[in-house]
Protein backbone atom coordinates (compact mmCIF):
# COMPACT_ATOMS: atom_id res chain seq x y z
CA MET A 1 89.21 101.93 86.96
CA ILE A 2 91.87 100.86 89.35
CA GLU A 3 93.30 104.21 90.26
CA GLU A 4 97.14 104.89 90.13
CA PRO A 5 97.55 108.15 92.05
CA PHE A 6 101.28 107.52 92.72
CA ALA A 7 102.13 106.45 89.31
CA VAL A 8 103.18 109.91 87.86
CA GLY A 9 105.91 112.07 89.47
CA ASN A 10 109.53 113.51 89.08
CA THR A 11 110.96 112.83 92.54
CA TYR A 12 114.09 110.69 93.27
CA ILE A 13 112.13 107.53 93.48
CA TYR A 14 110.37 107.93 90.15
CA THR A 15 114.27 107.99 88.46
CA LEU A 16 115.05 104.88 89.91
CA ASP A 17 114.92 101.60 87.80
CA PRO A 18 111.73 99.82 88.52
CA ARG A 19 113.60 96.28 88.62
CA VAL A 20 115.56 97.66 91.50
CA ARG A 21 112.58 99.22 93.20
CA ILE A 22 110.78 95.89 92.80
CA VAL A 23 113.72 93.70 94.39
CA PHE A 24 114.29 95.85 97.31
CA ALA A 25 110.58 96.47 98.16
CA VAL A 26 109.99 92.50 98.34
CA VAL A 27 113.37 91.82 100.30
CA PHE A 28 112.51 94.81 102.59
CA SER A 29 109.17 93.23 103.15
CA PHE A 30 110.46 89.60 103.86
CA VAL A 31 112.90 91.00 106.47
CA THR A 32 110.10 93.10 108.09
CA ALA A 33 107.59 90.34 108.20
CA LEU A 34 110.09 87.79 109.72
CA SER A 35 111.31 90.29 112.45
CA ASN A 36 110.06 90.30 115.94
CA ARG A 37 112.34 92.84 117.96
CA PHE A 38 110.39 96.20 118.37
CA PRO A 39 113.62 98.26 117.63
CA VAL A 40 113.90 96.85 114.41
CA LEU A 41 110.26 96.86 113.57
CA ILE A 42 110.25 100.72 114.49
CA ALA A 43 113.21 101.19 112.42
CA ALA A 44 111.53 99.59 109.26
CA LEU A 45 108.73 101.59 109.93
CA PHE A 46 111.01 104.75 110.15
CA ILE A 47 112.46 103.62 106.75
CA SER A 48 109.20 103.30 105.10
CA ILE A 49 108.00 106.52 106.09
CA LEU A 50 111.13 108.06 104.66
CA LEU A 51 110.65 106.37 101.26
CA VAL A 52 107.19 107.77 101.36
CA SER A 53 108.53 111.04 102.02
CA THR A 54 111.28 110.83 99.50
CA GLY A 55 108.71 110.11 96.93
CA ARG A 56 106.75 113.19 98.10
CA LEU A 57 103.68 110.85 97.91
CA LYS A 58 100.03 112.88 98.71
CA VAL A 59 99.38 112.59 102.56
CA ARG A 60 95.92 112.12 101.59
CA ASP A 61 96.13 109.27 99.21
CA VAL A 62 98.57 107.66 101.50
CA LEU A 63 96.15 107.87 104.50
CA LYS A 64 93.48 106.69 102.31
CA ARG A 65 94.84 103.39 101.64
CA LEU A 66 96.22 102.99 105.18
CA PHE A 67 92.81 103.50 106.57
CA VAL A 68 91.62 100.34 104.63
CA VAL A 69 94.25 98.03 106.59
CA PHE A 70 93.02 100.14 109.60
CA TRP A 71 89.84 97.89 109.86
CA PHE A 72 91.88 94.79 109.71
CA LEU A 73 94.29 95.98 112.32
CA LEU A 74 91.14 96.86 114.46
CA LEU A 75 89.91 93.19 114.32
CA ILE A 76 93.47 92.17 115.30
CA TRP A 77 93.56 94.29 118.21
CA ALA A 78 89.90 93.34 119.30
CA ILE A 79 90.80 89.47 119.07
CA LEU A 80 94.44 88.74 120.18
CA PRO A 81 94.72 90.47 123.46
CA LEU A 82 91.72 88.59 124.51
CA THR A 83 92.29 84.92 122.98
CA PHE A 84 96.11 84.85 123.12
CA GLU A 85 97.19 82.88 126.35
CA GLY A 86 99.91 84.06 128.41
CA GLU A 87 100.41 86.70 131.33
CA PRO A 88 97.54 88.99 132.10
CA LEU A 89 98.27 92.45 131.50
CA TYR A 90 94.97 93.98 132.25
CA GLN A 91 91.62 92.70 133.63
CA ALA A 92 88.09 94.13 133.70
CA GLY A 93 85.74 91.34 135.21
CA PRO A 94 85.49 88.52 133.23
CA ILE A 95 87.90 90.16 130.13
CA THR A 96 91.45 89.58 130.55
CA PHE A 97 94.15 91.22 127.99
CA THR A 98 97.11 89.16 127.71
CA ARG A 99 100.58 90.57 127.54
CA PRO A 100 101.69 88.16 124.63
CA GLY A 101 98.58 89.20 122.75
CA VAL A 102 99.09 92.89 123.07
CA ILE A 103 102.62 92.39 121.91
CA MET A 104 101.65 90.38 118.94
CA ALA A 105 98.99 92.78 117.89
CA ALA A 106 101.46 95.65 118.06
CA GLN A 107 104.14 93.73 115.84
CA ILE A 108 101.35 92.66 113.31
CA SER A 109 100.29 96.55 113.21
CA ILE A 110 103.92 97.70 112.74
CA LYS A 111 104.69 95.26 110.26
CA SER A 112 101.47 95.71 108.20
CA THR A 113 101.89 99.60 108.07
CA ALA A 114 105.76 99.31 107.05
CA ILE A 115 105.37 97.00 104.28
CA LEU A 116 102.37 98.70 102.89
CA LEU A 117 104.06 102.05 103.19
CA VAL A 118 107.05 100.71 101.28
CA PHE A 119 104.88 99.04 98.63
CA MET A 120 103.42 102.54 98.30
CA ALA A 121 106.57 104.06 97.69
CA LEU A 122 108.35 101.80 95.46
CA ILE A 123 106.01 99.75 93.59
CA ALA A 124 102.88 102.05 93.37
CA THR A 125 104.82 104.85 91.96
CA MET A 126 105.19 102.89 88.59
CA THR A 127 102.42 101.94 86.16
CA VAL A 128 100.88 98.26 86.19
CA VAL A 129 102.32 98.17 82.52
CA THR A 130 106.00 99.30 83.99
CA LEU A 131 105.54 96.71 86.59
CA GLY A 132 104.54 94.19 84.06
CA HIS A 133 107.81 94.90 81.79
CA SER A 134 109.88 95.04 84.88
CA LEU A 135 108.69 91.51 86.26
CA ASN A 136 109.47 90.29 82.75
CA ARG A 137 113.04 91.65 82.98
CA LEU A 138 113.41 89.64 86.29
CA TYR A 139 112.70 86.59 84.35
CA VAL A 140 109.19 86.13 86.13
CA PRO A 141 107.59 83.47 83.77
CA ASP A 142 106.00 85.22 80.74
CA LYS A 143 102.66 83.67 81.22
CA LEU A 144 102.38 84.95 84.62
CA VAL A 145 103.25 88.46 83.44
CA HIS A 146 100.78 88.28 80.62
CA LEU A 147 97.83 87.27 82.84
CA MET A 148 98.48 89.96 85.09
CA LEU A 149 98.63 92.66 82.32
CA MET A 150 95.71 91.20 80.18
CA THR A 151 93.65 90.77 83.63
CA TYR A 152 94.30 94.52 84.54
CA ARG A 153 93.30 95.74 80.94
CA TYR A 154 90.03 93.74 80.47
CA ILE A 155 88.75 93.86 84.06
CA PHE A 156 87.26 96.99 83.18
CA VAL A 157 85.79 95.57 80.21
CA ILE A 158 84.12 93.01 82.12
CA GLU A 159 82.64 95.33 84.58
CA GLN A 160 81.32 97.67 81.88
CA GLU A 161 79.62 94.67 80.46
CA TYR A 162 77.93 93.75 83.94
CA ARG A 163 76.78 97.39 84.43
CA ARG A 164 75.32 97.12 80.73
CA LEU A 165 73.37 94.11 81.63
CA PHE A 166 72.31 95.23 85.19
CA THR A 167 71.14 98.50 83.55
CA ALA A 168 68.91 96.32 81.03
CA ILE A 169 67.42 94.25 83.53
CA LYS A 170 66.59 97.37 85.82
CA ILE A 171 65.13 99.08 82.60
CA ARG A 172 62.77 96.02 82.24
CA GLY A 173 61.48 96.70 85.85
CA PHE A 174 63.54 94.41 87.76
CA ARG A 175 63.65 95.08 91.52
CA SER A 176 66.02 93.09 93.57
CA LYS A 177 64.26 91.11 96.45
CA THR A 178 64.60 87.87 98.44
CA ASN A 179 62.67 85.57 96.43
CA MET A 180 63.35 82.92 93.84
CA HIS A 181 62.81 85.23 90.95
CA SER A 182 65.71 87.56 91.99
CA TYR A 183 68.01 84.65 92.66
CA LYS A 184 67.11 83.21 88.74
CA THR A 185 67.81 86.68 87.41
CA TYR A 186 71.32 87.12 88.98
CA ALA A 187 72.34 83.76 88.17
CA TYR A 188 71.15 84.64 84.31
CA LEU A 189 73.14 87.77 84.77
CA ILE A 190 76.16 86.05 85.85
CA GLY A 191 75.88 83.16 83.16
CA MET A 192 75.29 85.68 80.57
CA LEU A 193 78.53 87.62 81.87
CA PHE A 194 80.58 84.59 81.40
CA VAL A 195 79.21 83.98 77.91
CA ARG A 196 80.07 87.73 76.78
CA ALA A 197 83.40 87.42 78.64
CA SER A 198 84.14 84.23 76.65
CA THR A 199 83.16 85.83 73.36
CA ARG A 200 85.39 88.95 73.73
CA ALA A 201 88.24 86.78 74.78
CA GLU A 202 88.09 84.94 71.92
CA ARG A 203 88.00 87.96 69.66
CA VAL A 204 90.84 89.49 71.44
CA HIS A 205 92.66 86.38 71.05
CA GLN A 206 92.09 86.34 67.27
CA ALA A 207 92.99 89.99 66.95
CA MET A 208 96.38 89.49 68.88
CA LEU A 209 97.18 86.54 66.38
CA CYS A 210 96.28 88.65 63.27
CA ARG A 211 98.75 91.34 64.63
CA GLY A 212 101.61 88.59 65.02
CA PHE A 213 101.40 87.85 68.76
CA ARG A 214 103.74 84.59 69.49
CA GLY A 215 103.54 84.61 73.34
CA ARG A 216 105.59 87.50 73.97
CA PHE A 217 105.09 91.27 74.54
CA TYR A 218 107.68 93.76 73.16
CA THR A 219 108.35 97.20 74.67
CA LEU A 220 110.54 100.32 73.74
CA ASP A 221 111.28 100.94 77.51
CA ILE A 222 115.01 100.27 78.32
CA PHE A 223 116.10 100.01 81.85
CA LYS A 224 119.49 101.68 82.34
CA SER A 225 121.87 101.34 85.47
CA THR A 226 122.66 104.83 86.79
CA GLY A 227 124.50 106.45 89.39
CA ARG A 228 121.30 107.02 91.42
CA ASN A 229 120.41 103.31 91.23
CA GLN A 230 123.84 102.26 92.45
CA THR A 231 123.45 104.76 95.34
CA PHE A 232 119.84 103.48 96.07
CA VAL A 233 121.27 99.67 95.98
CA LEU A 234 124.24 100.61 98.34
CA VAL A 235 121.68 102.39 101.02
CA MET A 236 119.00 99.47 100.95
CA THR A 237 121.62 96.88 101.28
CA ILE A 238 123.09 98.62 104.22
CA ILE A 239 119.81 99.13 105.76
CA ILE A 240 118.68 95.82 105.01
CA VAL A 241 122.00 94.23 106.54
CA CYS A 242 121.45 96.54 109.71
CA LEU A 243 118.04 95.24 110.27
CA ILE A 244 119.02 91.67 110.10
CA ILE A 245 121.83 92.16 112.30
CA GLY A 246 119.52 93.90 114.90
CA GLU A 247 117.09 90.99 114.65
CA TYR A 248 119.53 88.29 115.40
CA ASN A 249 122.07 90.01 117.27
CA LEU A 250 124.82 89.15 114.98
CA LEU A 251 127.23 91.60 116.52
């Protein structure tokens, strides 16, 4: 199952309208991704950390998800300073670290961390179902929303089918090796998985039609505009405008 450790809470972030959180998470991420000045990027990182603190997310779970990005950033730091052309910053024998490469790696690191933290604070603090309903209210095409929700729901069913089939072949004495028999077995396994997934999809579709499904999901959730939402909108708008002004020196 896909874990949702931040989906339940009672802090200020959880009381905000999910639609507002989605909009400002996307806008903030675009502004951060398009920024290059370090004061702006550091400010964006500070704001994202502040949002995570406001949501009172568990530090252990936050660091666990940042650790996944750490390996990507480590690869960036291992490649860009050595391959990016420009003024040498440090040289050790045939190895040369360039200043533009180090600057680019630092920018990517700050941007990635800030955007990930913002999405953890504003998006990961709602369930996938709430996210789907919010996207629908934001006029995202129904088919995309349905595809996301159905994929989230039935990807676990496909995983269970795979585990059941793999357990069956192991009981029959299958041992994975680098030979033609193993390749054929895995090919049969994948083929049977697709067959069962197709059969399950057909049954689910028929069941939904029997229950009156006509291409639209209905929900009892009602999103209301409150004073907290208006305050959050005002504060985040001011922050984003300040970041844009700082990036392009509009003052």
